[in-house]
Amino acid sequence: MALNAKNKAETTDWSLIQLAELSGDEKAYAQLFARHKLSVYHLIYQLVRNTELAEDLTMEVFAKAFKNLDHYQPSHSFISWLNTVAKNHTYDYLRKKRPENISIEERLESKPGRAILQVEEPDPNPETELVTEEMNQHVHLLVNHLKPRYKRLIELRYFEELSYEEISKELGLPLGTVKAQLFRAKDLLNQILKNKKDQL
């Protein structure tokens, strides 16, 4: 008996999840993202009513979901599980608004045109500038621990401030692959940062 469209989609989702989780297949991550990004985005937008914020939270949700694929049970719909992750993450954001602890991602995603980790100050004194410069150097050192492909993605996105589309053209990669690999790169940076803290 032929599978219906829904079962085919779920079977494909599960096969992609296995590829992503077991072998780290970047194309599998990219396909999962491309397939479900609009559904997740629309769900989040209904909660926050802000286009830019919904886009940011959608990226964060996929990063969290991809990091926790081992928690997904194939007996349930993948999109339902993904939507649950999206709701929980969005509600957490709305409760906290601004987290006290700054992640490596937040440090990287400073305002366009401003130095990484730079804090806006009317007249920064030499001591403040020195601290900022040291922090910038620290971030660059962390990035150097990444594999070349991940390092290049971070450099293009956050140091050279290219858009996802520009990075896609620059590297000759599909847009979904660029986004999936940036998820992985930022996750690796957070792991490196955590390991550094644990060693202190």
C-alpha atoms as a PDB file:
ATOM      1  CA  MET A   1       0.000   0.000   0.000  1.00  0.00           C
ATOM      2  CA  ALA A   2       1.430   3.340  -1.006  1.00  0.00           C
ATOM      3  CA  LEU A   3       2.253   5.862   1.677  1.00  0.00           C
ATOM      4  CA  ASN A   4       0.157   9.017   1.700  1.00  0.00           C
ATOM      5  CA  ALA A   5       1.827  12.422   1.276  1.00  0.00           C
ATOM      6  CA  LYS A   6       2.030  13.052   5.016  1.00  0.00           C
ATOM      7  CA  ASN A   7       3.688   9.719   5.727  1.00  0.00           C
ATOM      8  CA  LYS A   8       6.143  10.289   2.902  1.00  0.00           C
ATOM      9  CA  ALA A   9       7.077  13.652   4.377  1.00  0.00           C
ATOM     10  CA  GLU A  10       7.517  12.184   7.840  1.00  0.00           C
ATOM     11  CA  THR A  11       9.616   9.315   6.477  1.00  0.00           C
ATOM     12  CA  THR A  12      11.814  11.803   4.667  1.00  0.00           C
ATOM     13  CA  ASP A  13      12.077  13.989   7.773  1.00  0.00           C
ATOM     14  CA  TRP A  14      13.213  11.010   9.826  1.00  0.00           C
ATOM     15  CA  SER A  15      15.783   9.927   7.257  1.00  0.00           C
ATOM     16  CA  LEU A  16      17.165  13.482   7.156  1.00  0.00           C
ATOM     17  CA  ILE A  17      17.271  13.617  10.954  1.00  0.00           C
ATOM     18  CA  GLN A  18      19.234  10.384  11.053  1.00  0.00           C
ATOM     19  CA  LEU A  19      21.704  11.699   8.501  1.00  0.00           C
ATOM     20  CA  ALA A  20      22.080  14.966  10.410  1.00  0.00           C
ATOM     21  CA  GLU A  21      22.400  13.390  13.849  1.00  0.00           C
ATOM     22  CA  LEU A  22      24.544  10.358  13.032  1.00  0.00           C
ATOM     23  CA  SER A  23      26.869  11.730  10.376  1.00  0.00           C
ATOM     24  CA  GLY A  24      26.542  15.500  10.712  1.00  0.00           C
ATOM     25  CA  ASP A  25      25.345  15.773   7.115  1.00  0.00           C
ATOM     26  CA  GLU A  26      25.124  19.522   6.416  1.00  0.00           C
ATOM     27  CA  LYS A  27      22.780  18.995   3.447  1.00  0.00           C
ATOM     28  CA  ALA A  28      20.360  17.150   5.719  1.00  0.00           C
ATOM     29  CA  TYR A  29      20.316  20.104   8.126  1.00  0.00           C
ATOM     30  CA  ALA A  30      19.800  22.474   5.204  1.00  0.00           C
ATOM     31  CA  GLN A  31      16.894  20.425   3.818  1.00  0.00           C
ATOM     32  CA  LEU A  32      15.170  20.231   7.201  1.00  0.00           C
ATOM     33  CA  PHE A  33      15.571  23.980   7.586  1.00  0.00           C
ATOM     34  CA  ALA A  34      14.275  24.742   4.075  1.00  0.00           C
ATOM     35  CA  ARG A  35      11.282  22.459   4.524  1.00  0.00           C
ATOM     36  CA  HIS A  36      10.040  23.823   7.839  1.00  0.00           C
ATOM     37  CA  LYS A  37      11.374  27.383   8.190  1.00  0.00           C
ATOM     38  CA  LEU A  38       8.201  29.122   6.961  1.00  0.00           C
ATOM     39  CA  SER A  39       5.947  27.155   9.281  1.00  0.00           C
ATOM     40  CA  VAL A  40       8.142  27.933  12.289  1.00  0.00           C
ATOM     41  CA  TYR A  41       8.518  31.587  11.266  1.00  0.00           C
ATOM     42  CA  HIS A  42       4.753  32.104  10.951  1.00  0.00           C
ATOM     43  CA  LEU A  43       4.150  30.479  14.323  1.00  0.00           C
ATOM     44  CA  ILE A  44       6.703  32.743  16.016  1.00  0.00           C
ATOM     45  CA  TYR A  45       5.444  35.832  14.193  1.00  0.00           C
ATOM     46  CA  GLN A  46       1.963  35.224  15.581  1.00  0.00           C
ATOM     47  CA  LEU A  47       3.488  35.431  19.067  1.00  0.00           C
ATOM     48  CA  VAL A  48       5.842  38.410  18.672  1.00  0.00           C
ATOM     49  CA  ARG A  49       4.263  40.420  15.822  1.00  0.00           C
ATOM     50  CA  ASN A  50       7.657  41.672  14.704  1.00  0.00           C
ATOM     51  CA  THR A  51       9.213  40.571  11.411  1.00  0.00           C
ATOM     52  CA  GLU A  52      12.871  41.036  12.339  1.00  0.00           C
ATOM     53  CA  LEU A  53      12.465  39.480  15.773  1.00  0.00           C
ATOM     54  CA  ALA A  54      10.539  36.540  14.311  1.00  0.00           C
ATOM     55  CA  GLU A  55      13.369  35.926  11.837  1.00  0.00           C
ATOM     56  CA  ASP A  56      15.982  36.002  14.599  1.00  0.00           C
ATOM     57  CA  LEU A  57      13.994  33.683  16.839  1.00  0.00           C
ATOM     58  CA  THR A  58      13.391  31.290  13.945  1.00  0.00           C
ATOM     59  CA  MET A  59      17.140  30.967  13.457  1.00  0.00           C
ATOM     60  CA  GLU A  60      17.618  30.383  17.183  1.00  0.00           C
ATOM     61  CA  VAL A  61      14.870  27.745  17.251  1.00  0.00           C
ATOM     62  CA  PHE A  62      16.470  25.738  14.454  1.00  0.00           C
ATOM     63  CA  ALA A  63      19.864  25.996  16.139  1.00  0.00           C
ATOM     64  CA  LYS A  64      18.335  24.661  19.366  1.00  0.00           C
ATOM     65  CA  ALA A  65      16.354  21.945  17.572  1.00  0.00           C
ATOM     66  CA  PHE A  66      19.368  20.741  15.591  1.00  0.00           C
ATOM     67  CA  LYS A  67      21.411  20.604  18.779  1.00  0.00           C
ATOM     68  CA  ASN A  68      18.731  18.460  20.451  1.00  0.00           C
ATOM     69  CA  LEU A  69      17.686  16.131  17.649  1.00  0.00           C
ATOM     70  CA  ASP A  70      18.365  13.172  19.940  1.00  0.00           C
ATOM     71  CA  HIS A  71      15.285  14.250  21.957  1.00  0.00           C
ATOM     72  CA  TYR A  72      12.972  13.877  18.969  1.00  0.00           C
ATOM     73  CA  GLN A  73      10.793  10.760  18.964  1.00  0.00           C
ATOM     74  CA  PRO A  74       9.994   9.484  15.437  1.00  0.00           C
ATOM     75  CA  SER A  75       6.583   8.278  16.619  1.00  0.00           C
ATOM     76  CA  HIS A  76       5.500  11.937  16.631  1.00  0.00           C
ATOM     77  CA  SER A  77       5.300  14.480  13.818  1.00  0.00           C
ATOM     78  CA  PHE A  78       8.609  16.306  13.397  1.00  0.00           C
ATOM     79  CA  ILE A  79       6.914  19.617  12.644  1.00  0.00           C
ATOM     80  CA  SER A  80       4.805  19.277  15.803  1.00  0.00           C
ATOM     81  CA  TRP A  81       7.968  18.717  17.851  1.00  0.00           C
ATOM     82  CA  LEU A  82       9.645  21.631  16.086  1.00  0.00           C
ATOM     83  CA  ASN A  83       6.670  23.889  16.791  1.00  0.00           C
ATOM     84  CA  THR A  84       6.820  22.934  20.470  1.00  0.00           C
ATOM     85  CA  VAL A  85      10.488  23.931  20.543  1.00  0.00           C
ATOM     86  CA  ALA A  86       9.556  27.197  18.811  1.00  0.00           C
ATOM     87  CA  LYS A  87       6.779  28.017  21.276  1.00  0.00           C
ATOM     88  CA  ASN A  88       8.896  27.249  24.331  1.00  0.00           C
ATOM     89  CA  HIS A  89      11.861  29.234  23.025  1.00  0.00           C
ATOM     90  CA  THR A  90       9.681  32.220  22.121  1.00  0.00           C
ATOM     91  CA  TYR A  91       7.885  32.195  25.468  1.00  0.00           C
ATOM     92  CA  ASP A  92      11.276  32.058  27.232  1.00  0.00           C
ATOM     93  CA  TYR A  93      12.426  35.047  25.205  1.00  0.00           C
ATOM     94  CA  LEU A  94       9.275  37.023  25.974  1.00  0.00           C
ATOM     95  CA  ARG A  95       9.656  36.291  29.693  1.00  0.00           C
ATOM     96  CA  LYS A  96      13.300  37.279  29.833  1.00  0.00           C
ATOM     97  CA  LYS A  97      13.384  39.960  27.104  1.00  0.00           C
ATOM     98  CA  ARG A  98      17.128  40.364  27.546  1.00  0.00           C
ATOM     99  CA  PRO A  99      19.144  37.529  29.113  1.00  0.00           C
ATOM    100  CA  GLU A 100      21.677  38.495  31.765  1.00  0.00           C
ATOM    101  CA  ASN A 101      24.354  36.207  30.367  1.00  0.00           C
ATOM    102  CA  ILE A 102      25.678  37.241  26.960  1.00  0.00           C
ATOM    103  CA  SER A 103      26.291  34.321  24.615  1.00  0.00           C
ATOM    104  CA  ILE A 104      29.000  34.199  21.984  1.00  0.00           C
ATOM    105  CA  GLU A 105      26.261  34.675  19.367  1.00  0.00           C
ATOM    106  CA  GLU A 106      25.145  37.934  20.979  1.00  0.00           C
ATOM    107  CA  ARG A 107      28.748  39.089  21.107  1.00  0.00           C
ATOM    108  CA  LEU A 108      29.152  38.373  17.434  1.00  0.00           C
ATOM    109  CA  GLU A 109      25.882  39.984  16.441  1.00  0.00           C
ATOM    110  CA  SER A 110      26.745  43.527  17.399  1.00  0.00           C
ATOM    111  CA  LYS A 111      25.298  46.498  15.550  1.00  0.00           C
ATOM    112  CA  PRO A 112      26.433  46.788  11.911  1.00  0.00           C
ATOM    113  CA  GLY A 113      29.449  49.001  11.562  1.00  0.00           C
ATOM    114  CA  ARG A 114      30.503  48.617  15.187  1.00  0.00           C
ATOM    115  CA  ALA A 115      33.424  46.605  16.432  1.00  0.00           C
ATOM    116  CA  ILE A 116      32.647  43.196  17.870  1.00  0.00           C
ATOM    117  CA  LEU A 117      31.761  43.469  21.552  1.00  0.00           C
ATOM    118  CA  GLN A 118      32.004  47.247  21.437  1.00  0.00           C
ATOM    119  CA  VAL A 119      29.879  48.996  24.034  1.00  0.00           C
ATOM    120  CA  GLU A 120      28.405  52.320  23.014  1.00  0.00           C
ATOM    121  CA  GLU A 121      29.813  55.073  25.144  1.00  0.00           C
ATOM    122  CA  PRO A 122      29.840  58.844  24.403  1.00  0.00           C
ATOM    123  CA  ASP A 123      33.503  59.391  25.221  1.00  0.00           C
ATOM    124  CA  PRO A 124      35.263  56.090  25.904  1.00  0.00           C
ATOM    125  CA  ASN A 125      38.372  56.488  28.007  1.00  0.00           C
ATOM    126  CA  PRO A 126      41.651  54.711  27.129  1.00  0.00           C
ATOM    127  CA  GLU A 127      40.992  51.980  29.703  1.00  0.00           C
ATOM    128  CA  THR A 128      37.589  51.167  28.197  1.00  0.00           C
ATOM    129  CA  GLU A 129      39.049  51.097  24.686  1.00  0.00           C
ATOM    130  CA  LEU A 130      41.792  48.731  25.857  1.00  0.00           C
ATOM    131  CA  VAL A 131      39.276  46.327  27.424  1.00  0.00           C
ATOM    132  CA  THR A 132      37.110  46.409  24.286  1.00  0.00           C
ATOM    133  CA  GLU A 133      40.114  45.697  22.074  1.00  0.00           C
ATOM    134  CA  GLU A 134      41.150  42.777  24.291  1.00  0.00           C
ATOM    135  CA  MET A 135      37.635  41.332  24.085  1.00  0.00           C
ATOM    136  CA  ASN A 136      37.622  41.703  20.298  1.00  0.00           C
ATOM    137  CA  GLN A 137      40.945  39.882  20.104  1.00  0.00           C
ATOM    138  CA  HIS A 138      39.547  37.137  22.344  1.00  0.00           C
ATOM    139  CA  VAL A 139      36.618  36.545  19.980  1.00  0.00           C
ATOM    140  CA  HIS A 140      38.961  36.359  16.992  1.00  0.00           C
ATOM    141  CA  LEU A 141      41.122  33.832  18.849  1.00  0.00           C
ATOM    142  CA  LEU A 142      38.062  31.682  19.555  1.00  0.00           C
ATOM    143  CA  VAL A 143      37.116  31.758  15.877  1.00  0.00           C
ATOM    144  CA  ASN A 144      40.610  30.498  14.992  1.00  0.00           C
ATOM    145  CA  HIS A 145      39.777  27.239  16.809  1.00  0.00           C
ATOM    146  CA  LEU A 146      37.099  26.432  14.211  1.00  0.00           C
ATOM    147  CA  LYS A 147      37.582  24.321  11.103  1.00  0.00           C
ATOM    148  CA  PRO A 148      38.420  26.499   8.061  1.00  0.00           C
ATOM    149  CA  ARG A 149      34.932  26.300   6.510  1.00  0.00           C
ATOM    150  CA  TYR A 150      33.235  27.371   9.744  1.00  0.00           C
ATOM    151  CA  LYS A 151      35.834  30.043  10.404  1.00  0.00           C
ATOM    152  CA  ARG A 152      35.280  31.514   6.936  1.00  0.00           C
ATOM    153  CA  LEU A 153      31.515  31.608   7.443  1.00  0.00           C
ATOM    154  CA  ILE A 154      31.865  33.467  10.743  1.00  0.00           C
ATOM    155  CA  GLU A 155      34.317  35.907   9.213  1.00  0.00           C
ATOM    156  CA  LEU A 156      32.033  36.667   6.277  1.00  0.00           C
ATOM    157  CA  ARG A 157      28.883  36.982   8.372  1.00  0.00           C
ATOM    158  CA  TYR A 158      30.099  38.844  11.455  1.00  0.00           C
ATOM    159  CA  PHE A 159      33.475  40.403  10.661  1.00  0.00           C
ATOM    160  CA  GLU A 160      32.777  41.417   7.060  1.00  0.00           C
ATOM    161  CA  GLU A 161      29.017  41.763   7.737  1.00  0.00           C
ATOM    162  CA  LEU A 162      27.804  40.049   4.560  1.00  0.00           C
ATOM    163  CA  SER A 163      24.177  38.944   4.278  1.00  0.00           C
ATOM    164  CA  TYR A 164      23.292  35.256   4.011  1.00  0.00           C
ATOM    165  CA  GLU A 165      22.587  35.770   0.315  1.00  0.00           C
ATOM    166  CA  GLU A 166      25.976  37.428  -0.244  1.00  0.00           C
ATOM    167  CA  ILE A 167      27.747  34.593   1.582  1.00  0.00           C
ATOM    168  CA  SER A 168      25.862  32.081  -0.562  1.00  0.00           C
ATOM    169  CA  LYS A 169      27.149  33.769  -3.731  1.00  0.00           C
ATOM    170  CA  GLU A 170      30.657  34.246  -2.335  1.00  0.00           C
ATOM    171  CA  LEU A 171      31.077  30.570  -1.408  1.00  0.00           C
ATOM    172  CA  GLY A 172      28.912  29.081  -4.136  1.00  0.00           C
ATOM    173  CA  LEU A 173      26.717  27.302  -1.585  1.00  0.00           C
ATOM    174  CA  PRO A 174      22.925  26.993  -1.374  1.00  0.00           C
ATOM    175  CA  LEU A 175      21.351  29.503   1.024  1.00  0.00           C
ATOM    176  CA  GLY A 176      20.006  26.756   3.276  1.00  0.00           C
ATOM    177  CA  THR A 177      23.455  25.184   3.552  1.00  0.00           C
ATOM    178  CA  VAL A 178      24.975  28.543   4.546  1.00  0.00           C
ATOM    179  CA  LYS A 179      22.403  28.973   7.320  1.00  0.00           C
ATOM    180  CA  ALA A 180      22.758  25.387   8.541  1.00  0.00           C
ATOM    181  CA  GLN A 181      26.545  25.639   8.685  1.00  0.00           C
ATOM    182  CA  LEU A 182      26.344  28.958  10.525  1.00  0.00           C
ATOM    183  CA  PHE A 183      24.122  27.252  13.117  1.00  0.00           C
ATOM    184  CA  ARG A 184      26.851  24.686  13.581  1.00  0.00           C
ATOM    185  CA  ALA A 185      29.646  27.260  13.657  1.00  0.00           C
ATOM    186  CA  LYS A 186      27.951  29.344  16.382  1.00  0.00           C
ATOM    187  CA  ASP A 187      27.190  26.218  18.399  1.00  0.00           C
ATOM    188  CA  LEU A 188      30.853  25.193  18.207  1.00  0.00           C
ATOM    189  CA  LEU A 189      31.906  28.676  19.324  1.00  0.00           C
ATOM    190  CA  ASN A 190      29.621  28.444  22.340  1.00  0.00           C
ATOM    191  CA  GLN A 191      31.129  25.066  23.210  1.00  0.00           C
ATOM    192  CA  ILE A 192      34.650  26.484  22.921  1.00  0.00           C
ATOM    193  CA  LEU A 193      33.677  29.442  25.119  1.00  0.00           C
ATOM    194  CA  LYS A 194      32.146  27.121  27.728  1.00  0.00           C
ATOM    195  CA  ASN A 195      35.261  24.948  27.770  1.00  0.00           C
ATOM    196  CA  LYS A 196      37.441  28.016  28.243  1.00  0.00           C
ATOM    197  CA  LYS A 197      35.325  29.120  31.213  1.00  0.00           C
ATOM    198  CA  ASP A 198      35.451  25.650  32.758  1.00  0.00           C
ATOM    199  CA  GLN A 199      39.232  25.754  32.615  1.00  0.00           C
ATOM    200  CA  LEU A 200      39.428  29.006  34.566  1.00  0.00           C
END
